[in-house]
Amino acid sequence: MARLPRGVERIAPGPGQESVWDYPRPPRLEANTRHLVVVLGGEVVAETRGGYRVLETSHPPQYYFPPEDISAGALRAAAGGGSFCEWKGEAEYWDVHGGGAVAGRSAWSYASPTAPFAPIAGHVAFYVAPMDRCEVDGEVVVPQPGGFYGGWITSHVVGPFKGVPGSRGW
């Protein structure tokens, strides 16, 4: 279990739950078997039972969809450059299109991730907040707080989560 920052209290997981404070740092990559759905503009733009999830201390899981499980034309390269993750490498961003709606810079991927994350090359992760909804096994997802991180919060994971006010140094 990770050491919590001063003044932060871990929420004890119940049956069938995971605590983000039991996730490792550096993060771990796991194969995904849950049914994931992303909806924008009333249209399913991505759906999978494959791909991967990334588990990192203090963060809810981030899910990476295989490119073949994303609707044709749903992704277009976003303007504004990429970002750098100390664990995964250089990310590129995507505008998501669905049902006539556009969610700018609301998905990201790694063309050439670092060796431990090589399996997610070309896979795409989606921010929850700009979408109509995202689901894990039929449960509607809550976005990770703060707007910067892309974790998916469900009833299966407990925090507290990085992104809340005062968590910058976690």
Protein backbone atom coordinates (compact mmCIF):
# COMPACT_ATOMS: atom_id res chain seq x y z
CA MET A 1 0.00 0.00 0.00
CA ALA A 2 1.26 3.48 -0.89
CA ARG A 3 2.09 6.00 1.78
CA LEU A 4 -0.61 8.67 1.89
CA PRO A 5 0.23 12.36 1.95
CA ARG A 6 -0.08 14.05 5.31
CA GLY A 7 -3.69 14.78 6.21
CA VAL A 8 -5.14 12.42 3.59
CA GLU A 9 -7.29 9.55 4.77
CA ARG A 10 -7.59 6.41 2.66
CA ILE A 11 -11.12 5.16 2.05
CA ALA A 12 -11.24 1.48 2.93
CA PRO A 13 -12.44 -0.61 -0.02
CA GLY A 14 -15.52 -2.76 0.48
CA PRO A 15 -16.24 -6.12 -1.16
CA GLY A 16 -15.51 -6.00 -4.89
CA GLN A 17 -13.78 -2.61 -4.64
CA GLU A 18 -10.20 -1.47 -5.18
CA SER A 19 -8.45 1.43 -3.46
CA VAL A 20 -6.35 3.69 -5.66
CA TRP A 21 -3.92 3.76 -2.74
CA ASP A 22 -3.19 0.07 -3.38
CA TYR A 23 -2.21 0.84 -6.98
CA PRO A 24 1.56 1.01 -7.64
CA ARG A 25 3.90 3.82 -8.55
CA PRO A 26 5.28 3.53 -11.17
CA PRO A 27 1.93 2.55 -12.69
CA ARG A 28 0.97 -0.96 -13.76
CA LEU A 29 -0.59 -1.93 -17.09
CA GLU A 30 -3.31 -4.61 -17.07
CA ALA A 31 -5.42 -6.18 -19.78
CA ASN A 32 -9.02 -4.98 -19.65
CA THR A 33 -11.92 -7.44 -19.67
CA ARG A 34 -14.74 -5.06 -18.71
CA HIS A 35 -17.30 -3.77 -21.21
CA LEU A 36 -16.37 -0.14 -21.94
CA VAL A 37 -18.53 2.32 -23.88
CA VAL A 38 -17.98 5.95 -24.92
CA VAL A 39 -20.94 7.99 -26.23
CA LEU A 40 -20.77 11.44 -27.86
CA GLY A 41 -23.60 13.24 -29.66
CA GLY A 42 -25.87 10.32 -28.83
CA GLU A 43 -23.62 7.96 -30.82
CA VAL A 44 -21.39 5.17 -29.56
CA VAL A 45 -17.93 6.25 -30.71
CA ALA A 46 -15.97 3.49 -28.93
CA GLU A 47 -16.86 0.14 -27.41
CA THR A 48 -14.62 -2.67 -26.27
CA ARG A 49 -14.06 -5.61 -23.96
CA GLY A 50 -10.36 -5.45 -24.76
CA GLY A 51 -7.58 -2.95 -24.48
CA TYR A 52 -5.84 -2.06 -21.25
CA ARG A 53 -6.16 -0.15 -18.03
CA VAL A 54 -3.40 1.79 -16.31
CA LEU A 55 -3.35 1.72 -12.51
CA GLU A 56 -1.36 4.39 -10.67
CA THR A 57 -1.31 5.37 -7.01
CA SER A 58 -4.02 7.95 -6.19
CA HIS A 59 -5.59 7.79 -9.69
CA PRO A 60 -8.72 5.97 -10.83
CA PRO A 61 -8.04 3.64 -13.78
CA GLN A 62 -7.40 5.03 -17.24
CA TYR A 63 -8.74 2.80 -20.01
CA TYR A 64 -7.04 2.44 -23.41
CA PHE A 65 -9.22 1.28 -26.31
CA PRO A 66 -7.85 -0.74 -29.23
CA PRO A 67 -8.06 1.35 -32.42
CA GLU A 68 -10.27 -1.25 -34.11
CA ASP A 69 -12.91 -0.71 -31.37
CA ILE A 70 -13.26 3.00 -32.15
CA SER A 71 -15.74 4.13 -34.81
CA ALA A 72 -14.26 5.14 -38.15
CA GLY A 73 -14.01 8.93 -38.34
CA ALA A 74 -14.48 9.42 -34.58
CA LEU A 75 -10.93 10.69 -34.06
CA ARG A 76 -9.14 13.57 -35.73
CA ALA A 77 -5.72 14.89 -34.75
CA ALA A 78 -6.08 17.83 -32.37
CA ALA A 79 -4.22 21.11 -32.72
CA GLY A 80 -2.09 22.40 -29.90
CA GLY A 81 0.62 19.80 -29.47
CA GLY A 82 1.02 16.91 -27.08
CA SER A 83 2.18 16.29 -23.55
CA PHE A 84 4.74 14.18 -21.76
CA CYS A 85 4.11 11.47 -19.16
CA GLU A 86 7.10 10.46 -17.07
CA TRP A 87 5.96 6.81 -17.26
CA LYS A 88 4.47 6.43 -20.74
CA GLY A 89 6.28 9.04 -22.86
CA GLU A 90 4.99 11.51 -25.47
CA ALA A 91 1.20 11.69 -25.88
CA GLU A 92 -0.74 13.01 -28.83
CA TYR A 93 -4.28 14.38 -28.53
CA TRP A 94 -7.43 13.79 -30.53
CA ASP A 95 -10.68 15.64 -31.16
CA VAL A 96 -13.58 13.22 -30.79
CA HIS A 97 -16.49 13.40 -33.29
CA GLY A 98 -19.83 11.69 -32.80
CA GLY A 99 -23.45 12.32 -33.72
CA GLY A 100 -22.65 15.83 -34.98
CA ALA A 101 -20.86 16.80 -31.75
CA VAL A 102 -17.15 17.55 -31.39
CA ALA A 103 -15.21 17.25 -28.14
CA GLY A 104 -11.85 18.95 -28.69
CA ARG A 105 -8.66 17.42 -27.28
CA SER A 106 -10.74 14.87 -25.38
CA ALA A 107 -8.75 11.72 -26.18
CA TRP A 108 -5.07 10.85 -26.20
CA SER A 109 -2.72 8.09 -27.27
CA TYR A 110 0.94 7.13 -27.39
CA ALA A 111 2.41 6.22 -30.77
CA SER A 112 5.69 5.04 -29.21
CA PRO A 113 5.26 4.58 -25.47
CA THR A 114 8.07 3.55 -23.16
CA ALA A 115 8.92 -0.17 -23.05
CA PRO A 116 6.75 -1.08 -20.02
CA PHE A 117 3.72 0.44 -21.81
CA ALA A 118 4.50 -0.80 -25.33
CA PRO A 119 1.18 -2.74 -25.52
CA ILE A 120 -0.84 0.53 -25.52
CA ALA A 121 0.88 1.87 -28.65
CA GLY A 122 -1.90 3.27 -30.85
CA HIS A 123 -4.59 2.60 -28.24
CA VAL A 124 -6.75 5.58 -27.27
CA ALA A 125 -7.90 6.86 -23.86
CA PHE A 126 -10.90 9.20 -23.47
CA TYR A 127 -11.62 11.98 -21.00
CA VAL A 128 -15.01 11.34 -19.41
CA ALA A 129 -16.29 14.88 -18.84
CA PRO A 130 -16.58 16.03 -22.49
CA MET A 131 -18.51 12.89 -23.52
CA ASP A 132 -22.27 12.36 -23.19
CA ARG A 133 -21.34 9.38 -21.06
CA CYS A 134 -18.79 6.67 -20.55
CA GLU A 135 -19.65 3.29 -19.06
CA VAL A 136 -17.88 0.40 -17.41
CA ASP A 137 -20.02 -2.77 -17.40
CA GLY A 138 -23.14 -0.60 -17.80
CA GLU A 139 -22.29 1.76 -14.93
CA VAL A 140 -22.01 5.44 -15.87
CA VAL A 141 -18.53 6.75 -15.08
CA VAL A 142 -17.70 9.88 -13.08
CA PRO A 143 -14.67 11.86 -14.34
CA GLN A 144 -11.54 12.13 -12.22
CA PRO A 145 -11.63 15.54 -10.54
CA GLY A 146 -9.53 18.45 -11.70
CA GLY A 147 -9.88 18.21 -15.46
CA PHE A 148 -6.23 17.33 -16.18
CA TYR A 149 -6.21 13.61 -15.44
CA GLY A 150 -8.25 11.06 -17.39
CA GLY A 151 -9.25 8.48 -14.79
CA TRP A 152 -12.63 6.77 -14.81
CA ILE A 153 -14.39 6.58 -11.42
CA THR A 154 -16.94 3.84 -10.79
CA SER A 155 -18.38 2.24 -7.67
CA HIS A 156 -15.59 -0.36 -7.94
CA VAL A 157 -12.82 2.08 -7.01
CA VAL A 158 -12.36 4.29 -3.95
CA GLY A 159 -10.01 7.19 -3.18
CA PRO A 160 -9.51 9.91 -2.35
CA PHE A 161 -8.47 10.68 -5.91
CA LYS A 162 -5.71 12.93 -7.20
CA GLY A 163 -7.22 16.00 -8.82
CA VAL A 164 -9.19 17.26 -5.83
CA PRO A 165 -8.12 20.66 -4.45
CA GLY A 166 -4.86 20.35 -2.53
CA SER A 167 -3.71 17.16 -4.30
CA ARG A 168 -1.17 18.67 -6.69
CA GLY A 169 1.80 17.29 -4.74
CA TRP A 170 0.45 13.75 -4.32
